[in-house]
């Protein structure tokens, strides 16, 4: 049972799976669980979220670009 819960917290697909746990948890806490939702924010806004660090931005930027999206200007 604990393993299933752990798998739900650590997705093995999608852009969240590319992030370190603190960054992933920070986005999920703010309801950002899709690239479409992420694209509603600027890079500056994402960096202000506790748990997000500058190393996450290139990962997020690439994931957005690969899906025809970008951060809000």
PDB file of N, CA and C in Angstrom:
ATOM      1  N   UNK A   1       0.830  -1.193   0.000  1.00  0.00           N
ATOM      2  CA  UNK A   1       0.000   0.000   0.000  1.00  0.00           C
ATOM      3  C   UNK A   1       0.874   1.257   0.000  1.00  0.00           C
ATOM      4  N   UNK A   2       1.898   1.280   0.805  1.00  0.00           N
ATOM      5  CA  UNK A   2       2.781   2.442   0.852  1.00  0.00           C
ATOM      6  C   UNK A   2       3.447   2.650  -0.503  1.00  0.00           C
ATOM      7  N   UNK A   3       3.767   1.556  -1.192  1.00  0.00           N
ATOM      8  CA  UNK A   3       4.429   1.680  -2.483  1.00  0.00           C
ATOM      9  C   UNK A   3       3.519   2.365  -3.495  1.00  0.00           C
ATOM     10  N   UNK A   4       2.245   2.014  -3.508  1.00  0.00           N
ATOM     11  CA  UNK A   4       1.310   2.642  -4.435  1.00  0.00           C
ATOM     12  C   UNK A   4       1.234   4.139  -4.158  1.00  0.00           C
ATOM     13  N   UNK A   5       1.161   4.516  -2.904  1.00  0.00           N
ATOM     14  CA  UNK A   5       1.110   5.937  -2.553  1.00  0.00           C
ATOM     15  C   UNK A   5       2.380   6.637  -3.027  1.00  0.00           C
ATOM     16  N   UNK A   6       3.500   6.001  -2.873  1.00  0.00           N
ATOM     17  CA  UNK A   6       4.774   6.581  -3.303  1.00  0.00           C
ATOM     18  C   UNK A   6       4.799   6.759  -4.817  1.00  0.00           C
ATOM     19  N   UNK A   7       4.234   5.805  -5.560  1.00  0.00           N
ATOM     20  CA  UNK A   7       4.197   5.908  -7.017  1.00  0.00           C
ATOM     21  C   UNK A   7       3.341   7.084  -7.460  1.00  0.00           C
ATOM     22  N   UNK A   8       2.255   7.354  -6.731  1.00  0.00           N
ATOM     23  CA  UNK A   8       1.393   8.473  -7.076  1.00  0.00           C
ATOM     24  C   UNK A   8       2.132   9.791  -6.859  1.00  0.00           C
ATOM     25  N   UNK A   9       2.972   9.859  -5.849  1.00  0.00           N
ATOM     26  CA  UNK A   9       3.716  11.080  -5.558  1.00  0.00           C
ATOM     27  C   UNK A   9       4.891  11.264  -6.508  1.00  0.00           C
ATOM     28  N   UNK A  10       5.380  10.189  -7.080  1.00  0.00           N
ATOM     29  CA  UNK A  10       6.520  10.246  -7.996  1.00  0.00           C
ATOM     30  C   UNK A  10       6.095   9.751  -9.374  1.00  0.00           C
ATOM     31  N   UNK A  11       5.497  10.634 -10.174  1.00  0.00           N
ATOM     32  CA  UNK A  11       5.039  10.204 -11.496  1.00  0.00           C
ATOM     33  C   UNK A  11       6.195   9.754 -12.381  1.00  0.00           C
ATOM     34  N   UNK A  12       5.944   8.744 -13.201  1.00  0.00           N
ATOM     35  CA  UNK A  12       7.007   8.255 -14.078  1.00  0.00           C
ATOM     36  C   UNK A  12       6.822   8.761 -15.508  1.00  0.00           C
ATOM     37  N   UNK A  13       5.836   9.608 -15.719  1.00  0.00           N
ATOM     38  CA  UNK A  13       5.606  10.183 -17.036  1.00  0.00           C
ATOM     39  C   UNK A  13       5.293  11.666 -16.890  1.00  0.00           C
ATOM     40  N   UNK A  14       5.402  12.375 -17.985  1.00  0.00           N
ATOM     41  CA  UNK A  14       5.046  13.779 -17.985  1.00  0.00           C
ATOM     42  C   UNK A  14       6.147  14.668 -17.431  1.00  0.00           C
ATOM     43  N   UNK A  15       5.906  15.956 -17.530  1.00  0.00           N
ATOM     44  CA  UNK A  15       6.943  16.913 -17.151  1.00  0.00           C
ATOM     45  C   UNK A  15       7.259  16.883 -15.662  1.00  0.00           C
ATOM     46  N   UNK A  16       6.299  16.538 -14.816  1.00  0.00           N
ATOM     47  CA  UNK A  16       6.564  16.497 -13.378  1.00  0.00           C
ATOM     48  C   UNK A  16       7.593  15.425 -13.025  1.00  0.00           C
ATOM     49  N   UNK A  17       7.645  14.355 -13.817  1.00  0.00           N
ATOM     50  CA  UNK A  17       8.597  13.273 -13.542  1.00  0.00           C
ATOM     51  C   UNK A  17      10.039  13.713 -13.782  1.00  0.00           C
ATOM     52  N   UNK A  18      10.232  14.811 -14.490  1.00  0.00           N
ATOM     53  CA  UNK A  18      11.578  15.300 -14.807  1.00  0.00           C
ATOM     54  C   UNK A  18      12.174  16.142 -13.686  1.00  0.00           C
ATOM     55  N   UNK A  19      11.338  16.538 -12.730  1.00  0.00           N
ATOM     56  CA  UNK A  19      11.755  17.471 -11.687  1.00  0.00           C
ATOM     57  C   UNK A  19      12.156  16.767 -10.405  1.00  0.00           C
ATOM     58  N   UNK A  20      12.998  17.435  -9.635  1.00  0.00           N
ATOM     59  CA  UNK A  20      13.335  16.952  -8.299  1.00  0.00           C
ATOM     60  C   UNK A  20      12.082  17.074  -7.426  1.00  0.00           C
ATOM     61  N   UNK A  21      12.036  16.277  -6.394  1.00  0.00           N
ATOM     62  CA  UNK A  21      10.869  16.216  -5.521  1.00  0.00           C
ATOM     63  C   UNK A  21      10.401  17.572  -4.983  1.00  0.00           C
ATOM     64  N   UNK A  22      11.289  18.439  -4.468  1.00  0.00           N
ATOM     65  CA  UNK A  22      10.795  19.728  -3.943  1.00  0.00           C
ATOM     66  C   UNK A  22      10.098  20.581  -5.008  1.00  0.00           C
ATOM     67  N   UNK A  23      10.654  20.592  -6.211  1.00  0.00           N
ATOM     68  CA  UNK A  23      10.057  21.371  -7.294  1.00  0.00           C
ATOM     69  C   UNK A  23       8.725  20.769  -7.720  1.00  0.00           C
ATOM     70  N   UNK A  24       8.687  19.458  -7.856  1.00  0.00           N
ATOM     71  CA  UNK A  24       7.447  18.771  -8.236  1.00  0.00           C
ATOM     72  C   UNK A  24       6.357  19.036  -7.203  1.00  0.00           C
ATOM     73  N   UNK A  25       6.699  18.888  -5.933  1.00  0.00           N
ATOM     74  CA  UNK A  25       5.729  19.118  -4.864  1.00  0.00           C
ATOM     75  C   UNK A  25       5.247  20.564  -4.848  1.00  0.00           C
ATOM     76  N   UNK A  26       6.156  21.509  -5.114  1.00  0.00           N
ATOM     77  CA  UNK A  26       5.797  22.926  -5.123  1.00  0.00           C
ATOM     78  C   UNK A  26       4.760  23.211  -6.206  1.00  0.00           C
ATOM     79  N   UNK A  27       4.989  22.682  -7.392  1.00  0.00           N
ATOM     80  CA  UNK A  27       4.038  22.903  -8.476  1.00  0.00           C
ATOM     81  C   UNK A  27       2.694  22.246  -8.170  1.00  0.00           C
ATOM     82  N   UNK A  28       2.734  21.014  -7.688  1.00  0.00           N
ATOM     83  CA  UNK A  28       1.488  20.313  -7.374  1.00  0.00           C
ATOM     84  C   UNK A  28       0.716  21.055  -6.287  1.00  0.00           C
ATOM     85  N   UNK A  29       1.413  21.588  -5.301  1.00  0.00           N
ATOM     86  CA  UNK A  29       0.780  22.339  -4.219  1.00  0.00           C
ATOM     87  C   UNK A  29       0.047  23.561  -4.757  1.00  0.00           C
ATOM     88  N   UNK A  30       0.558  24.136  -5.834  1.00  0.00           N
ATOM     89  CA  UNK A  30      -0.073  25.305  -6.459  1.00  0.00           C
ATOM     90  C   UNK A  30      -1.045  24.909  -7.570  1.00  0.00           C
ATOM     91  N   UNK A  31      -1.338  23.623  -7.686  1.00  0.00           N
ATOM     92  CA  UNK A  31      -2.315  23.162  -8.670  1.00  0.00           C
ATOM     93  C   UNK A  31      -1.798  23.131 -10.092  1.00  0.00           C
ATOM     94  N   UNK A  32      -0.489  23.181 -10.252  1.00  0.00           N
ATOM     95  CA  UNK A  32       0.112  23.166 -11.585  1.00  0.00           C
ATOM     96  C   UNK A  32       0.520  21.725 -11.896  1.00  0.00           C
ATOM     97  N   UNK A  33      -0.375  21.016 -12.562  1.00  0.00           N
ATOM     98  CA  UNK A  33      -0.122  19.608 -12.852  1.00  0.00           C
ATOM     99  C   UNK A  33      -0.120  19.308 -14.351  1.00  0.00           C
ATOM    100  N   UNK A  34      -0.305  20.356 -15.153  1.00  0.00           N
ATOM    101  CA  UNK A  34      -0.262  20.171 -16.604  1.00  0.00           C
ATOM    102  C   UNK A  34       0.572  21.287 -17.221  1.00  0.00           C
ATOM    103  N   UNK A  35       1.068  21.034 -18.416  1.00  0.00           N
ATOM    104  CA  UNK A  35       1.839  22.052 -19.122  1.00  0.00           C
ATOM    105  C   UNK A  35       0.952  23.239 -19.491  1.00  0.00           C
ATOM    106  N   UNK A  36      -0.312  22.966 -19.771  1.00  0.00           N
ATOM    107  CA  UNK A  36      -1.243  24.045 -20.091  1.00  0.00           C
ATOM    108  C   UNK A  36      -1.375  24.991 -18.891  1.00  0.00           C
ATOM    109  N   UNK A  37      -1.464  24.423 -17.704  1.00  0.00           N
ATOM    110  CA  UNK A  37      -1.549  25.231 -16.493  1.00  0.00           C
ATOM    111  C   UNK A  37      -0.239  25.996 -16.272  1.00  0.00           C
ATOM    112  N   UNK A  38       0.887  25.322 -16.486  1.00  0.00           N
ATOM    113  CA  UNK A  38       2.197  25.948 -16.313  1.00  0.00           C
ATOM    114  C   UNK A  38       2.366  27.150 -17.243  1.00  0.00           C
ATOM    115  N   UNK A  39       1.830  27.050 -18.450  1.00  0.00           N
ATOM    116  CA  UNK A  39       1.993  28.117 -19.442  1.00  0.00           C
ATOM    117  C   UNK A  39       1.248  29.397 -19.064  1.00  0.00           C
ATOM    118  N   UNK A  40       0.437  29.357 -18.033  1.00  0.00           N
ATOM    119  CA  UNK A  40      -0.290  30.545 -17.570  1.00  0.00           C
ATOM    120  C   UNK A  40       0.568  31.419 -16.655  1.00  0.00           C
ATOM    121  N   UNK A  41       1.775  30.964 -16.350  1.00  0.00           N
ATOM    122  CA  UNK A  41       2.667  31.669 -15.425  1.00  0.00           C
ATOM    123  C   UNK A  41       3.908  32.166 -16.151  1.00  0.00           C
ATOM    124  N   UNK A  42       4.504  33.240 -15.630  1.00  0.00           N
ATOM    125  CA  UNK A  42       5.799  33.700 -16.139  1.00  0.00           C
ATOM    126  C   UNK A  42       6.898  32.919 -15.418  1.00  0.00           C
ATOM    127  N   UNK A  43       8.089  32.937 -15.972  1.00  0.00           N
ATOM    128  CA  UNK A  43       9.221  32.272 -15.312  1.00  0.00           C
ATOM    129  C   UNK A  43       9.453  32.892 -13.937  1.00  0.00           C
ATOM    130  N   UNK A  44       9.304  34.196 -13.859  1.00  0.00           N
ATOM    131  CA  UNK A  44       9.515  34.903 -12.595  1.00  0.00           C
ATOM    132  C   UNK A  44       8.524  34.427 -11.522  1.00  0.00           C
ATOM    133  N   UNK A  45       7.269  34.231 -11.922  1.00  0.00           N
ATOM    134  CA  UNK A  45       6.247  33.758 -10.982  1.00  0.00           C
ATOM    135  C   UNK A  45       6.566  32.348 -10.498  1.00  0.00           C
ATOM    136  N   UNK A  46       7.033  31.503 -11.400  1.00  0.00           N
ATOM    137  CA  UNK A  46       7.367  30.120 -11.028  1.00  0.00           C
ATOM    138  C   UNK A  46       8.535  30.114 -10.044  1.00  0.00           C
ATOM    139  N   UNK A  47       9.530  30.948 -10.286  1.00  0.00           N
ATOM    140  CA  UNK A  47      10.688  31.002  -9.393  1.00  0.00           C
ATOM    141  C   UNK A  47      10.331  31.498  -7.997  1.00  0.00           C
ATOM    142  N   UNK A  48       9.257  32.261  -7.873  1.00  0.00           N
ATOM    143  CA  UNK A  48       8.837  32.770  -6.565  1.00  0.00           C
ATOM    144  C   UNK A  48       8.176  31.692  -5.704  1.00  0.00           C
ATOM    145  N   UNK A  49       7.784  30.581  -6.321  1.00  0.00           N
ATOM    146  CA  UNK A  49       7.139  29.496  -5.578  1.00  0.00           C
ATOM    147  C   UNK A  49       8.181  28.792  -4.723  1.00  0.00           C
ATOM    148  N   UNK A  50       7.899  28.688  -3.436  1.00  0.00           N
ATOM    149  CA  UNK A  50       8.824  28.026  -2.514  1.00  0.00           C
ATOM    150  C   UNK A  50       9.050  26.587  -2.973  1.00  0.00           C
ATOM    151  N   UNK A  51      10.306  26.214  -3.140  1.00  0.00           N
ATOM    152  CA  UNK A  51      10.655  24.864  -3.588  1.00  0.00           C
ATOM    153  C   UNK A  51      11.146  24.822  -5.026  1.00  0.00           C
ATOM    154  N   UNK A  52      10.881  25.905  -5.765  1.00  0.00           N
ATOM    155  CA  UNK A  52      11.334  25.967  -7.152  1.00  0.00           C
ATOM    156  C   UNK A  52      12.710  26.617  -7.198  1.00  0.00           C
ATOM    157  N   UNK A  53      13.587  26.033  -7.980  1.00  0.00           N
ATOM    158  CA  UNK A  53      14.923  26.587  -8.113  1.00  0.00           C
ATOM    159  C   UNK A  53      15.249  26.853  -9.569  1.00  0.00           C
ATOM    160  N   UNK A  54      16.324  27.587  -9.816  1.00  0.00           N
ATOM    161  CA  UNK A  54      16.685  27.937 -11.189  1.00  0.00           C
ATOM    162  C   UNK A  54      17.022  26.729 -12.064  1.00  0.00           C
ATOM    163  N   UNK A  55      17.429  25.622 -11.464  1.00  0.00           N
ATOM    164  CA  UNK A  55      17.742  24.420 -12.260  1.00  0.00           C
ATOM    165  C   UNK A  55      16.495  23.834 -12.917  1.00  0.00           C
ATOM    166  N   UNK A  56      15.338  24.108 -12.337  1.00  0.00           N
ATOM    167  CA  UNK A  56      14.089  23.568 -12.881  1.00  0.00           C
ATOM    168  C   UNK A  56      13.627  24.297 -14.134  1.00  0.00           C
ATOM    169  N   UNK A  57      13.984  25.565 -14.262  1.00  0.00           N
ATOM    170  CA  UNK A  57      13.470  26.364 -15.384  1.00  0.00           C
ATOM    171  C   UNK A  57      13.822  25.809 -16.760  1.00  0.00           C
ATOM    172  N   UNK A  58      15.084  25.435 -17.032  1.00  0.00           N
ATOM    173  CA  UNK A  58      15.371  24.873 -18.364  1.00  0.00           C
ATOM    174  C   UNK A  58      14.571  23.602 -18.652  1.00  0.00           C
ATOM    175  N   UNK A  59      14.359  22.792 -17.644  1.00  0.00           N
ATOM    176  CA  UNK A  59      13.580  21.557 -17.807  1.00  0.00           C
ATOM    177  C   UNK A  59      12.146  21.912 -18.174  1.00  0.00           C
ATOM    178  N   UNK A  60      11.570  22.859 -17.443  1.00  0.00           N
ATOM    179  CA  UNK A  60      10.190  23.267 -17.695  1.00  0.00           C
ATOM    180  C   UNK A  60      10.062  23.955 -19.058  1.00  0.00           C
ATOM    181  N   UNK A  61      11.016  24.818 -19.376  1.00  0.00           N
ATOM    182  CA  UNK A  61      10.999  25.532 -20.662  1.00  0.00           C
ATOM    183  C   UNK A  61      11.023  24.538 -21.819  1.00  0.00           C
ATOM    184  N   UNK A  62      11.907  23.537 -21.737  1.00  0.00           N
ATOM    185  CA  UNK A  62      12.010  22.523 -22.792  1.00  0.00           C
ATOM    186  C   UNK A  62      10.721  21.725 -22.916  1.00  0.00           C
ATOM    187  N   UNK A  63      10.146  21.325 -21.787  1.00  0.00           N
ATOM    188  CA  UNK A  63       8.897  20.557 -21.813  1.00  0.00           C
ATOM    189  C   UNK A  63       7.779  21.373 -22.461  1.00  0.00           C
ATOM    190  N   UNK A  64       7.713  22.655 -22.132  1.00  0.00           N
ATOM    191  CA  UNK A  64       6.705  23.524 -22.750  1.00  0.00           C
ATOM    192  C   UNK A  64       6.937  23.623 -24.258  1.00  0.00           C
ATOM    193  N   UNK A  65       8.176  23.902 -24.667  1.00  0.00           N
ATOM    194  CA  UNK A  65       8.498  24.072 -26.084  1.00  0.00           C
ATOM    195  C   UNK A  65       8.204  22.815 -26.889  1.00  0.00           C
ATOM    196  N   UNK A  66       8.495  21.650 -26.309  1.00  0.00           N
ATOM    197  CA  UNK A  66       8.247  20.386 -27.016  1.00  0.00           C
ATOM    198  C   UNK A  66       6.758  20.153 -27.244  1.00  0.00           C
ATOM    199  N   UNK A  67       5.926  20.884 -26.516  1.00  0.00           N
ATOM    200  CA  UNK A  67       4.477  20.745 -26.661  1.00  0.00           C
ATOM    201  C   UNK A  67       3.835  22.000 -27.249  1.00  0.00           C
ATOM    202  N   UNK A  68       4.666  22.828 -27.890  1.00  0.00           N
ATOM    203  CA  UNK A  68       4.160  24.012 -28.566  1.00  0.00           C
ATOM    204  C   UNK A  68       3.684  25.110 -27.624  1.00  0.00           C
ATOM    205  N   UNK A  69       4.186  25.096 -26.400  1.00  0.00           N
ATOM    206  CA  UNK A  69       3.783  26.078 -25.394  1.00  0.00           C
ATOM    207  C   UNK A  69       4.990  26.873 -24.925  1.00  0.00           C
ATOM    208  N   UNK A  70       4.733  27.898 -24.121  1.00  0.00           N
ATOM    209  CA  UNK A  70       5.813  28.659 -23.517  1.00  0.00           C
ATOM    210  C   UNK A  70       5.300  29.298 -22.242  1.00  0.00           C
ATOM    211  N   UNK A  71       6.231  29.809 -21.445  1.00  0.00           N
ATOM    212  CA  UNK A  71       5.845  30.567 -20.264  1.00  0.00           C
ATOM    213  C   UNK A  71       5.126  31.833 -20.723  1.00  0.00           C
ATOM    214  N   UNK A  72       4.262  32.351 -19.876  1.00  0.00           N
ATOM    215  CA  UNK A  72       3.589  33.616 -20.144  1.00  0.00           C
ATOM    216  C   UNK A  72       4.634  34.727 -20.211  1.00  0.00           C
ATOM    217  N   UNK A  73       4.461  35.656 -21.128  1.00  0.00           N
ATOM    218  CA  UNK A  73       5.419  36.768 -21.268  1.00  0.00           C
ATOM    219  C   UNK A  73       5.198  37.818 -20.206  1.00  0.00           C
TER     220      UNK A  73
END
